[in-house]
C-alpha atoms as a PDB file:
ATOM      1  CA  UNK A   1     -14.877 -53.478 -24.559  1.00  0.00           C
ATOM      2  CA  UNK A   2     -13.015 -54.438 -21.388  1.00  0.00           C
ATOM      3  CA  UNK A   3     -10.344 -51.994 -22.283  1.00  0.00           C
ATOM      4  CA  UNK A   4     -12.904 -49.306 -22.851  1.00  0.00           C
ATOM      5  CA  UNK A   5     -14.627 -49.960 -19.554  1.00  0.00           C
ATOM      6  CA  UNK A   6     -11.328 -49.995 -17.760  1.00  0.00           C
ATOM      7  CA  UNK A   7     -10.297 -46.645 -19.378  1.00  0.00           C
ATOM      8  CA  UNK A   8     -13.773 -45.184 -18.309  1.00  0.00           C
ATOM      9  CA  UNK A   9     -13.370 -46.397 -14.793  1.00  0.00           C
ATOM     10  CA  UNK A  10      -9.845 -44.855 -14.609  1.00  0.00           C
ATOM     11  CA  UNK A  11     -11.120 -41.599 -15.888  1.00  0.00           C
ATOM     12  CA  UNK A  12     -13.997 -41.458 -13.320  1.00  0.00           C
ATOM     13  CA  UNK A  13     -11.601 -42.399 -10.489  1.00  0.00           C
ATOM     14  CA  UNK A  14      -9.206 -39.697 -11.617  1.00  0.00           C
ATOM     15  CA  UNK A  15     -11.979 -37.081 -11.819  1.00  0.00           C
ATOM     16  CA  UNK A  16     -13.171 -38.028  -8.365  1.00  0.00           C
ATOM     17  CA  UNK A  17      -9.768 -37.890  -7.036  1.00  0.00           C
ATOM     18  CA  UNK A  18      -9.195 -34.495  -8.554  1.00  0.00           C
ATOM     19  CA  UNK A  19     -12.392 -33.271  -7.035  1.00  0.00           C
ATOM     20  CA  UNK A  20     -11.479 -34.618  -3.710  1.00  0.00           C
ATOM     21  CA  UNK A  21      -8.157 -32.921  -3.765  1.00  0.00           C
ATOM     22  CA  UNK A  22      -9.577 -29.387  -4.294  1.00  0.00           C
ATOM     23  CA  UNK A  23      -7.895 -27.186  -1.648  1.00  0.00           C
ATOM     24  CA  UNK A  24      -8.895 -23.785  -0.444  1.00  0.00           C
ATOM     25  CA  UNK A  25      -6.189 -21.756   1.265  1.00  0.00           C
ATOM     26  CA  UNK A  26      -8.012 -19.488   3.640  1.00  0.00           C
ATOM     27  CA  UNK A  27      -6.511 -16.757   5.651  1.00  0.00           C
ATOM     28  CA  UNK A  28      -8.120 -15.840   8.948  1.00  0.00           C
ATOM     29  CA  UNK A  29      -7.627 -13.046  11.567  1.00  0.00           C
ATOM     30  CA  UNK A  30      -7.678 -14.081  15.320  1.00  0.00           C
ATOM     31  CA  UNK A  31      -9.867 -17.080  14.528  1.00  0.00           C
ATOM     32  CA  UNK A  32     -12.759 -14.946  13.176  1.00  0.00           C
ATOM     33  CA  UNK A  33     -14.182 -17.040  10.429  1.00  0.00           C
ATOM     34  CA  UNK A  34     -12.826 -20.359  11.370  1.00  0.00           C
ATOM     35  CA  UNK A  35     -14.209 -20.225  15.025  1.00  0.00           C
ATOM     36  CA  UNK A  36     -17.780 -19.352  13.994  1.00  0.00           C
ATOM     37  CA  UNK A  37     -17.725 -22.048  11.197  1.00  0.00           C
ATOM     38  CA  UNK A  38     -16.608 -24.647  13.587  1.00  0.00           C
ATOM     39  CA  UNK A  39     -19.073 -23.727  16.285  1.00  0.00           C
ATOM     40  CA  UNK A  40     -21.962 -23.662  13.838  1.00  0.00           C
ATOM     41  CA  UNK A  41     -20.971 -27.057  12.368  1.00  0.00           C
ATOM     42  CA  UNK A  42     -20.407 -25.652   8.905  1.00  0.00           C
ATOM     43  CA  UNK A  43     -17.002 -27.405   8.484  1.00  0.00           C
ATOM     44  CA  UNK A  44     -18.468 -30.846   8.284  1.00  0.00           C
ATOM     45  CA  UNK A  45     -18.817 -32.774   5.095  1.00  0.00           C
ATOM     46  CA  UNK A  46     -16.745 -30.344   3.061  1.00  0.00           C
ATOM     47  CA  UNK A  47     -16.459 -31.307  -0.666  1.00  0.00           C
ATOM     48  CA  UNK A  48     -12.970 -29.926  -0.516  1.00  0.00           C
ATOM     49  CA  UNK A  49     -10.108 -29.393   1.995  1.00  0.00           C
ATOM     50  CA  UNK A  50      -9.294 -26.165   3.715  1.00  0.00           C
ATOM     51  CA  UNK A  51      -5.768 -25.137   4.672  1.00  0.00           C
ATOM     52  CA  UNK A  52      -6.044 -22.377   7.276  1.00  0.00           C
ATOM     53  CA  UNK A  53      -3.512 -19.691   7.859  1.00  0.00           C
ATOM     54  CA  UNK A  54      -3.763 -17.370  10.862  1.00  0.00           C
ATOM     55  CA  UNK A  55      -2.780 -13.638  10.771  1.00  0.00           C
ATOM     56  CA  UNK A  56      -2.874 -10.926  13.452  1.00  0.00           C
ATOM     57  CA  UNK A  57      -4.162  -8.280  11.052  1.00  0.00           C
ATOM     58  CA  UNK A  58      -5.432  -7.694   7.513  1.00  0.00           C
ATOM     59  CA  UNK A  59      -2.072  -6.311   6.181  1.00  0.00           C
ATOM     60  CA  UNK A  60      -0.116  -9.501   6.505  1.00  0.00           C
ATOM     61  CA  UNK A  61      -3.082 -11.587   5.261  1.00  0.00           C
ATOM     62  CA  UNK A  62      -3.223  -9.427   2.202  1.00  0.00           C
ATOM     63  CA  UNK A  63       0.461  -9.687   1.760  1.00  0.00           C
ATOM     64  CA  UNK A  64       0.114 -13.461   1.745  1.00  0.00           C
ATOM     65  CA  UNK A  65      -2.733 -13.223  -0.844  1.00  0.00           C
ATOM     66  CA  UNK A  66      -0.538 -10.989  -3.035  1.00  0.00           C
ATOM     67  CA  UNK A  67       2.290 -13.602  -2.704  1.00  0.00           C
ATOM     68  CA  UNK A  68      -0.131 -16.452  -3.717  1.00  0.00           C
ATOM     69  CA  UNK A  69       0.404 -18.056  -0.367  1.00  0.00           C
ATOM     70  CA  UNK A  70      -3.387 -18.136   0.295  1.00  0.00           C
ATOM     71  CA  UNK A  71      -6.433 -17.952  -2.051  1.00  0.00           C
ATOM     72  CA  UNK A  72      -8.848 -15.953   0.109  1.00  0.00           C
ATOM     73  CA  UNK A  73      -9.474 -14.445   3.432  1.00  0.00           C
ATOM     74  CA  UNK A  74     -11.514 -12.087   5.495  1.00  0.00           C
ATOM     75  CA  UNK A  75     -10.476  -8.388   5.823  1.00  0.00           C
ATOM     76  CA  UNK A  76     -12.045  -5.037   6.525  1.00  0.00           C
ATOM     77  CA  UNK A  77     -13.067  -2.553   3.876  1.00  0.00           C
ATOM     78  CA  UNK A  78     -10.099  -0.164   4.569  1.00  0.00           C
ATOM     79  CA  UNK A  79      -7.193  -2.616   4.218  1.00  0.00           C
ATOM     80  CA  UNK A  80      -8.968  -4.264   1.165  1.00  0.00           C
ATOM     81  CA  UNK A  81      -9.102  -0.698  -0.459  1.00  0.00           C
ATOM     82  CA  UNK A  82      -5.414  -0.033   0.353  1.00  0.00           C
ATOM     83  CA  UNK A  83      -4.408  -3.432  -1.111  1.00  0.00           C
ATOM     84  CA  UNK A  84      -6.476  -3.093  -4.259  1.00  0.00           C
ATOM     85  CA  UNK A  85      -5.072   0.437  -4.891  1.00  0.00           C
ATOM     86  CA  UNK A  86      -1.602  -0.958  -4.589  1.00  0.00           C
ATOM     87  CA  UNK A  87      -2.156  -3.484  -7.264  1.00  0.00           C
ATOM     88  CA  UNK A  88      -2.782  -6.604  -5.175  1.00  0.00           C
ATOM     89  CA  UNK A  89      -4.786  -9.087  -7.285  1.00  0.00           C
ATOM     90  CA  UNK A  90      -7.967  -9.208  -5.110  1.00  0.00           C
ATOM     91  CA  UNK A  91     -11.735  -9.070  -5.406  1.00  0.00           C
ATOM     92  CA  UNK A  92     -14.327  -8.895  -2.706  1.00  0.00           C
ATOM     93  CA  UNK A  93     -16.778 -11.765  -3.146  1.00  0.00           C
ATOM     94  CA  UNK A  94     -18.901 -11.606   0.043  1.00  0.00           C
ATOM     95  CA  UNK A  95     -19.610  -8.801   2.627  1.00  0.00           C
ATOM     96  CA  UNK A  96     -20.613  -8.270   6.192  1.00  0.00           C
ATOM     97  CA  UNK A  97     -21.795  -5.311   8.148  1.00  0.00           C
ATOM     98  CA  UNK A  98     -21.030  -4.744  11.924  1.00  0.00           C
ATOM     99  CA  UNK A  99     -21.612  -2.237  14.586  1.00  0.00           C
ATOM    100  CA  UNK A 100     -18.565   0.123  15.000  1.00  0.00           C
ATOM    101  CA  UNK A 101     -18.431   0.372  18.897  1.00  0.00           C
ATOM    102  CA  UNK A 102     -15.365  -1.911  18.872  1.00  0.00           C
ATOM    103  CA  UNK A 103     -13.496   0.068  16.287  1.00  0.00           C
ATOM    104  CA  UNK A 104     -11.867   2.575  18.521  1.00  0.00           C
ATOM    105  CA  UNK A 105      -9.026   4.785  19.529  1.00  0.00           C
ATOM    106  CA  UNK A 106      -8.074   3.512  22.959  1.00  0.00           C
ATOM    107  CA  UNK A 107      -5.888   5.180  25.647  1.00  0.00           C
ATOM    108  CA  UNK A 108      -4.554   3.924  28.947  1.00  0.00           C
ATOM    109  CA  UNK A 109      -6.957   4.006  31.700  1.00  0.00           C
ATOM    110  CA  UNK A 110      -5.068   6.732  33.565  1.00  0.00           C
ATOM    111  CA  UNK A 111      -4.664   8.954  30.451  1.00  0.00           C
ATOM    112  CA  UNK A 112      -6.055  12.539  30.634  1.00  0.00           C
ATOM    113  CA  UNK A 113      -7.315  12.217  27.087  1.00  0.00           C
ATOM    114  CA  UNK A 114     -11.122  12.197  26.830  1.00  0.00           C
ATOM    115  CA  UNK A 115     -11.718  12.670  23.116  1.00  0.00           C
ATOM    116  CA  UNK A 116     -10.148  13.412  19.742  1.00  0.00           C
ATOM    117  CA  UNK A 117      -9.202  16.919  20.568  1.00  0.00           C
ATOM    118  CA  UNK A 118      -7.043  15.586  23.374  1.00  0.00           C
ATOM    119  CA  UNK A 119      -5.006  13.578  20.932  1.00  0.00           C
ATOM    120  CA  UNK A 120      -4.055  16.546  18.620  1.00  0.00           C
ATOM    121  CA  UNK A 121      -0.238  16.694  18.365  1.00  0.00           C
ATOM    122  CA  UNK A 122       0.141  13.270  20.024  1.00  0.00           C
ATOM    123  CA  UNK A 123       1.178   9.709  18.731  1.00  0.00           C
ATOM    124  CA  UNK A 124      -1.558   7.299  17.726  1.00  0.00           C
ATOM    125  CA  UNK A 125      -0.442   3.756  16.751  1.00  0.00           C
ATOM    126  CA  UNK A 126      -2.290   1.762  14.022  1.00  0.00           C
ATOM    127  CA  UNK A 127      -1.674  -0.302  10.926  1.00  0.00           C
ATOM    128  CA  UNK A 128      -1.042   1.436   7.578  1.00  0.00           C
ATOM    129  CA  UNK A 129      -4.217   1.257   5.559  1.00  0.00           C
ATOM    130  CA  UNK A 130      -6.039  -0.631   8.291  1.00  0.00           C
ATOM    131  CA  UNK A 131      -9.554  -0.005   9.604  1.00  0.00           C
ATOM    132  CA  UNK A 132      -7.789   1.758  12.512  1.00  0.00           C
ATOM    133  CA  UNK A 133      -5.999   4.078   9.940  1.00  0.00           C
ATOM    134  CA  UNK A 134      -9.405   4.642   8.369  1.00  0.00           C
ATOM    135  CA  UNK A 135     -10.943   5.719  11.710  1.00  0.00           C
ATOM    136  CA  UNK A 136      -8.264   8.205  12.444  1.00  0.00           C
ATOM    137  CA  UNK A 137      -8.689   9.738   9.081  1.00  0.00           C
ATOM    138  CA  UNK A 138     -12.415   9.802   9.188  1.00  0.00           C
ATOM    139  CA  UNK A 139     -12.590  11.175  12.630  1.00  0.00           C
ATOM    140  CA  UNK A 140     -10.121  13.922  11.848  1.00  0.00           C
ATOM    141  CA  UNK A 141     -12.082  14.824   8.765  1.00  0.00           C
ATOM    142  CA  UNK A 142     -15.382  14.876  10.549  1.00  0.00           C
ATOM    143  CA  UNK A 143     -13.872  17.283  13.204  1.00  0.00           C
ATOM    144  CA  UNK A 144     -12.439  19.617  10.474  1.00  0.00           C
ATOM    145  CA  UNK A 145      -8.846  18.677  11.300  1.00  0.00           C
ATOM    146  CA  UNK A 146      -6.101  17.844   8.820  1.00  0.00           C
ATOM    147  CA  UNK A 147      -4.663  14.435   8.510  1.00  0.00           C
ATOM    148  CA  UNK A 148      -1.344  15.651  10.120  1.00  0.00           C
ATOM    149  CA  UNK A 149      -3.126  16.951  13.247  1.00  0.00           C
ATOM    150  CA  UNK A 150      -1.972  13.849  14.982  1.00  0.00           C
ATOM    151  CA  UNK A 151       1.278  11.754  14.559  1.00  0.00           C
ATOM    152  CA  UNK A 152       0.329   8.410  13.160  1.00  0.00           C
ATOM    153  CA  UNK A 153       2.721   5.649  14.048  1.00  0.00           C
ATOM    154  CA  UNK A 154       2.403   2.563  11.828  1.00  0.00           C
ATOM    155  CA  UNK A 155       2.584  -0.621  13.913  1.00  0.00           C
ATOM    156  CA  UNK A 156       1.385  -4.167  13.923  1.00  0.00           C
ATOM    157  CA  UNK A 157      -1.052  -5.055  16.829  1.00  0.00           C
ATOM    158  CA  UNK A 158       1.598  -6.660  18.980  1.00  0.00           C
ATOM    159  CA  UNK A 159       3.927  -3.715  18.601  1.00  0.00           C
ATOM    160  CA  UNK A 160       1.156  -1.265  19.177  1.00  0.00           C
ATOM    161  CA  UNK A 161       0.031  -2.984  22.340  1.00  0.00           C
ATOM    162  CA  UNK A 162       3.643  -2.896  23.816  1.00  0.00           C
ATOM    163  CA  UNK A 163       3.953   0.777  22.695  1.00  0.00           C
ATOM    164  CA  UNK A 164       0.663   1.831  24.488  1.00  0.00           C
ATOM    165  CA  UNK A 165       1.687  -0.028  27.609  1.00  0.00           C
ATOM    166  CA  UNK A 166       5.197   1.672  27.686  1.00  0.00           C
ATOM    167  CA  UNK A 167       3.874   5.195  26.835  1.00  0.00           C
ATOM    168  CA  UNK A 168       5.683   5.335  23.466  1.00  0.00           C
ATOM    169  CA  UNK A 169       2.325   6.068  21.944  1.00  0.00           C
ATOM    170  CA  UNK A 170      -0.598   7.971  23.437  1.00  0.00           C
ATOM    171  CA  UNK A 171      -3.440   6.072  21.778  1.00  0.00           C
ATOM    172  CA  UNK A 172      -3.975   3.061  19.673  1.00  0.00           C
ATOM    173  CA  UNK A 173      -6.560   3.054  16.848  1.00  0.00           C
ATOM    174  CA  UNK A 174      -7.620  -0.590  16.772  1.00  0.00           C
ATOM    175  CA  UNK A 175     -10.413  -3.098  16.352  1.00  0.00           C
ATOM    176  CA  UNK A 176     -11.907  -6.092  17.964  1.00  0.00           C
ATOM    177  CA  UNK A 177     -10.948  -8.265  19.677  1.00  0.00           C
ATOM    178  CA  UNK A 178      -8.013  -6.070  20.640  1.00  0.00           C
ATOM    179  CA  UNK A 179     -10.346  -3.361  21.910  1.00  0.00           C
ATOM    180  CA  UNK A 180     -12.260  -5.684  24.286  1.00  0.00           C
ATOM    181  CA  UNK A 181      -8.981  -7.352  25.319  1.00  0.00           C
ATOM    182  CA  UNK A 182      -7.456  -3.969  26.243  1.00  0.00           C
ATOM    183  CA  UNK A 183     -10.524  -2.814  28.102  1.00  0.00           C
ATOM    184  CA  UNK A 184     -11.082  -5.973  30.102  1.00  0.00           C
ATOM    185  CA  UNK A 185      -7.495  -7.005  30.745  1.00  0.00           C
ATOM    186  CA  UNK A 186      -5.520  -3.694  30.731  1.00  0.00           C
ATOM    187  CA  UNK A 187      -8.235  -1.172  31.922  1.00  0.00           C
ATOM    188  CA  UNK A 188      -7.988   0.911  28.740  1.00  0.00           C
ATOM    189  CA  UNK A 189     -10.624   3.272  27.707  1.00  0.00           C
ATOM    190  CA  UNK A 190     -12.248   4.127  24.191  1.00  0.00           C
ATOM    191  CA  UNK A 191     -12.145   7.838  23.491  1.00  0.00           C
ATOM    192  CA  UNK A 192     -13.278   7.683  19.817  1.00  0.00           C
ATOM    193  CA  UNK A 193     -15.268   4.956  18.136  1.00  0.00           C
ATOM    194  CA  UNK A 194     -16.262   4.349  14.545  1.00  0.00           C
ATOM    195  CA  UNK A 195     -20.065   4.734  15.234  1.00  0.00           C
ATOM    196  CA  UNK A 196     -21.409   7.208  12.734  1.00  0.00           C
ATOM    197  CA  UNK A 197     -17.826   7.690  11.262  1.00  0.00           C
ATOM    198  CA  UNK A 198     -17.073   4.456   9.285  1.00  0.00           C
ATOM    199  CA  UNK A 199     -19.518   2.190   7.418  1.00  0.00           C
ATOM    200  CA  UNK A 200     -18.804  -1.047   9.308  1.00  0.00           C
ATOM    201  CA  UNK A 201     -18.015  -3.131   6.198  1.00  0.00           C
ATOM    202  CA  UNK A 202     -15.933  -6.245   5.967  1.00  0.00           C
ATOM    203  CA  UNK A 203     -15.208  -8.503   3.001  1.00  0.00           C
ATOM    204  CA  UNK A 204     -14.341 -12.025   2.191  1.00  0.00           C
ATOM    205  CA  UNK A 205     -11.759 -11.499  -0.563  1.00  0.00           C
ATOM    206  CA  UNK A 206     -10.127 -13.821  -3.077  1.00  0.00           C
ATOM    207  CA  UNK A 207      -7.414 -13.828  -5.798  1.00  0.00           C
ATOM    208  CA  UNK A 208      -9.039 -13.667  -9.380  1.00  0.00           C
ATOM    209  CA  UNK A 209      -7.165 -16.793 -10.421  1.00  0.00           C
ATOM    210  CA  UNK A 210      -8.576 -18.570  -7.400  1.00  0.00           C
ATOM    211  CA  UNK A 211     -12.108 -17.451  -8.349  1.00  0.00           C
ATOM    212  CA  UNK A 212     -11.536 -18.759 -11.844  1.00  0.00           C
ATOM    213  CA  UNK A 213     -10.008 -22.103 -10.775  1.00  0.00           C
ATOM    214  CA  UNK A 214     -12.108 -22.891  -7.602  1.00  0.00           C
ATOM    215  CA  UNK A 215     -15.305 -20.958  -8.089  1.00  0.00           C
ATOM    216  CA  UNK A 216     -17.569 -23.816  -6.941  1.00  0.00           C
ATOM    217  CA  UNK A 217     -15.552 -24.373  -3.700  1.00  0.00           C
ATOM    218  CA  UNK A 218     -15.500 -20.605  -3.011  1.00  0.00           C
ATOM    219  CA  UNK A 219     -19.249 -20.411  -3.708  1.00  0.00           C
ATOM    220  CA  UNK A 220     -19.963 -23.209  -1.276  1.00  0.00           C
ATOM    221  CA  UNK A 221     -17.626 -21.606   1.381  1.00  0.00           C
ATOM    222  CA  UNK A 222     -19.335 -18.291   1.079  1.00  0.00           C
ATOM    223  CA  UNK A 223     -22.673 -19.857   1.700  1.00  0.00           C
ATOM    224  CA  UNK A 224     -21.366 -21.698   4.782  1.00  0.00           C
ATOM    225  CA  UNK A 225     -19.798 -18.626   6.216  1.00  0.00           C
ATOM    226  CA  UNK A 226     -23.002 -16.725   5.685  1.00  0.00           C
ATOM    227  CA  UNK A 227     -24.974 -19.383   7.557  1.00  0.00           C
ATOM    228  CA  UNK A 228     -22.370 -19.441  10.259  1.00  0.00           C
ATOM    229  CA  UNK A 229     -22.349 -15.710  10.696  1.00  0.00           C
ATOM    230  CA  UNK A 230     -26.237 -15.703  10.923  1.00  0.00           C
ATOM    231  CA  UNK A 231     -25.956 -18.559  13.469  1.00  0.00           C
ATOM    232  CA  UNK A 232     -23.312 -16.666  15.496  1.00  0.00           C
ATOM    233  CA  UNK A 233     -25.637 -13.717  16.158  1.00  0.00           C
ATOM    234  CA  UNK A 234     -27.862 -15.780  18.296  1.00  0.00           C
ATOM    235  CA  UNK A 235     -25.487 -18.227  19.716  1.00  0.00           C
ATOM    236  CA  UNK A 236     -22.721 -16.085  21.432  1.00  0.00           C
ATOM    237  CA  UNK A 237     -21.913 -18.624  24.218  1.00  0.00           C
ATOM    238  CA  UNK A 238     -21.176 -21.518  21.902  1.00  0.00           C
ATOM    239  CA  UNK A 239     -19.383 -19.318  19.456  1.00  0.00           C
ATOM    240  CA  UNK A 240     -17.345 -17.706  22.228  1.00  0.00           C
ATOM    241  CA  UNK A 241     -16.274 -21.089  23.512  1.00  0.00           C
ATOM    242  CA  UNK A 242     -15.076 -22.115  20.131  1.00  0.00           C
ATOM    243  CA  UNK A 243     -13.277 -18.860  19.472  1.00  0.00           C
ATOM    244  CA  UNK A 244     -11.662 -18.821  22.993  1.00  0.00           C
ATOM    245  CA  UNK A 245     -10.198 -22.360  22.535  1.00  0.00           C
ATOM    246  CA  UNK A 246      -8.900 -21.456  19.072  1.00  0.00           C
ATOM    247  CA  UNK A 247      -7.374 -18.083  19.924  1.00  0.00           C
ATOM    248  CA  UNK A 248      -6.435 -18.552  23.603  1.00  0.00           C
ATOM    249  CA  UNK A 249      -8.158 -15.472  24.965  1.00  0.00           C
ATOM    250  CA  UNK A 250     -10.841 -15.574  27.710  1.00  0.00           C
ATOM    251  CA  UNK A 251     -14.471 -16.214  26.827  1.00  0.00           C
ATOM    252  CA  UNK A 252     -15.372 -12.873  28.513  1.00  0.00           C
ATOM    253  CA  UNK A 253     -13.389 -11.041  25.836  1.00  0.00           C
ATOM    254  CA  UNK A 254     -15.106 -13.006  23.170  1.00  0.00           C
ATOM    255  CA  UNK A 255     -18.657 -12.465  24.623  1.00  0.00           C
ATOM    256  CA  UNK A 256     -18.196  -8.580  24.694  1.00  0.00           C
ATOM    257  CA  UNK A 257     -16.497  -8.581  21.257  1.00  0.00           C
ATOM    258  CA  UNK A 258     -19.309 -10.515  19.564  1.00  0.00           C
ATOM    259  CA  UNK A 259     -22.197  -8.563  21.316  1.00  0.00           C
ATOM    260  CA  UNK A 260     -20.547  -5.252  20.429  1.00  0.00           C
ATOM    261  CA  UNK A 261     -19.658  -6.079  16.845  1.00  0.00           C
ATOM    262  CA  UNK A 262     -22.948  -7.932  15.858  1.00  0.00           C
ATOM    263  CA  UNK A 263     -21.776  -9.243  12.500  1.00  0.00           C
ATOM    264  CA  UNK A 264     -24.374  -9.659   9.840  1.00  0.00           C
ATOM    265  CA  UNK A 265     -23.876 -11.132   6.468  1.00  0.00           C
ATOM    266  CA  UNK A 266     -25.093  -8.929   3.527  1.00  0.00           C
ATOM    267  CA  UNK A 267     -25.233  -9.121  -0.222  1.00  0.00           C
ATOM    268  CA  UNK A 268     -22.826  -6.949  -2.212  1.00  0.00           C
ATOM    269  CA  UNK A 269     -25.538  -4.555  -3.445  1.00  0.00           C
ATOM    270  CA  UNK A 270     -25.636  -0.953  -4.437  1.00  0.00           C
ATOM    271  CA  UNK A 271     -25.386   0.264  -0.796  1.00  0.00           C
ATOM    272  CA  UNK A 272     -22.235  -1.732  -0.186  1.00  0.00           C
ATOM    273  CA  UNK A 273     -20.709  -0.418  -3.548  1.00  0.00           C
ATOM    274  CA  UNK A 274     -21.541   3.157  -2.514  1.00  0.00           C
ATOM    275  CA  UNK A 275     -19.921   2.740   0.941  1.00  0.00           C
ATOM    276  CA  UNK A 276     -16.907   1.144  -0.488  1.00  0.00           C
ATOM    277  CA  UNK A 277     -16.525   4.011  -2.867  1.00  0.00           C
ATOM    278  CA  UNK A 278     -16.716   6.460   0.113  1.00  0.00           C
ATOM    279  CA  UNK A 279     -13.761   4.610   1.702  1.00  0.00           C
ATOM    280  CA  UNK A 280     -11.869   4.770  -1.602  1.00  0.00           C
ATOM    281  CA  UNK A 281     -12.558   8.408  -1.808  1.00  0.00           C
ATOM    282  CA  UNK A 282     -11.547   9.085   1.795  1.00  0.00           C
ATOM    283  CA  UNK A 283      -8.105   7.423   1.195  1.00  0.00           C
ATOM    284  CA  UNK A 284      -7.685   9.361  -1.972  1.00  0.00           C
ATOM    285  CA  UNK A 285      -8.326  12.680  -0.292  1.00  0.00           C
ATOM    286  CA  UNK A 286      -5.921  11.770   2.432  1.00  0.00           C
ATOM    287  CA  UNK A 287      -3.199  10.873  -0.123  1.00  0.00           C
ATOM    288  CA  UNK A 288      -3.029   7.327   1.310  1.00  0.00           C
ATOM    289  CA  UNK A 289      -3.737   6.055  -2.318  1.00  0.00           C
ATOM    290  CA  UNK A 290      -2.823   7.710  -5.448  1.00  0.00           C
ATOM    291  CA  UNK A 291      -4.909   6.105  -8.157  1.00  0.00           C
ATOM    292  CA  UNK A 292      -8.687   6.642  -8.466  1.00  0.00           C
ATOM    293  CA  UNK A 293     -10.635   3.353  -8.208  1.00  0.00           C
ATOM    294  CA  UNK A 294     -14.172   2.409  -9.068  1.00  0.00           C
ATOM    295  CA  UNK A 295     -15.678   0.249  -6.307  1.00  0.00           C
ATOM    296  CA  UNK A 296     -17.666  -1.706  -9.071  1.00  0.00           C
ATOM    297  CA  UNK A 297     -14.239  -2.932 -10.407  1.00  0.00           C
ATOM    298  CA  UNK A 298     -13.181  -4.625  -7.171  1.00  0.00           C
ATOM    299  CA  UNK A 299     -16.464  -5.902  -5.855  1.00  0.00           C
ATOM    300  CA  UNK A 300     -17.836  -9.200  -7.398  1.00  0.00           C
ATOM    301  CA  UNK A 301     -21.584  -9.606  -7.147  1.00  0.00           C
ATOM    302  CA  UNK A 302     -21.590 -13.060  -8.761  1.00  0.00           C
ATOM    303  CA  UNK A 303     -21.302 -14.750  -5.378  1.00  0.00           C
ATOM    304  CA  UNK A 304     -24.338 -13.144  -3.925  1.00  0.00           C
ATOM    305  CA  UNK A 305     -26.787 -16.131  -4.383  1.00  0.00           C
ATOM    306  CA  UNK A 306     -25.765 -18.169  -1.204  1.00  0.00           C
ATOM    307  CA  UNK A 307     -25.852 -15.109   0.946  1.00  0.00           C
ATOM    308  CA  UNK A 308     -29.301 -13.974  -0.363  1.00  0.00           C
ATOM    309  CA  UNK A 309     -30.503 -17.636   0.213  1.00  0.00           C
ATOM    310  CA  UNK A 310     -29.521 -17.202   3.826  1.00  0.00           C
ATOM    311  CA  UNK A 311     -31.067 -13.788   4.205  1.00  0.00           C
ATOM    312  CA  UNK A 312     -34.243 -14.926   2.448  1.00  0.00           C
ATOM    313  CA  UNK A 313     -34.564 -17.981   4.762  1.00  0.00           C
ATOM    314  CA  UNK A 314     -35.059 -15.621   7.631  1.00  0.00           C
END
């Protein structure tokens, strides 16, 4: 009997240790998710451990996910689409919508360019497959212009910022917080924004093997992130202080960024699927992706419950 009890105690201890050792490897962009989770107090009493990795943009985050260096992370709809079409093992398990004032093509303050037509034949920097790339393609299509009406130069954010400052590119199609940073610190101007052009979708995405192996932890994280996002929309000062400390940019940049973006958690529903399909089709028409995709195949609705719980609480 003593031997049986000892064996049972060992089994329970081992199970408890295994549970305590559950690790989520989360990729973040410019402190986006981590800062709001910390400020909202949602990183307390976690039943798992988080290993954070910071990225300057979605492309390197998705490369890390493809290499199995992280399990999950937050990205925009456009880079998610680009990665999924390229065969990256990724599924969207949660969604947000945001205003598109901060997704913009920016030019130096002394540039003569005042709108999209002024950029025809000129160099615009952005990341390949990024939401900045999406904005260029969608804006050109809306204006009845071909994708080659401008010269797109593919650059990472740090490279694009330097190229814009040196005059090597005429505009930079970028996103927050880079847009607010350029405006407030460099005197740059927005000449095209995503308002009325792009759907304003972002996703929390994960590897399928991570979904299978760590579903409970991911489900808990999705709920915490939804609560934190909702909290962040009405607590900008506290959120800005947390974000500024984490990222190292002034709180003024954060406050403009948050107010302009106005992020809201949403369930992955038919409307989200339809908007994601429009992004897929835009990239297909532009030749940026070659294979047809069905949005239903890359969006996972099985994590909606914690998001709906937060939305219904309001």
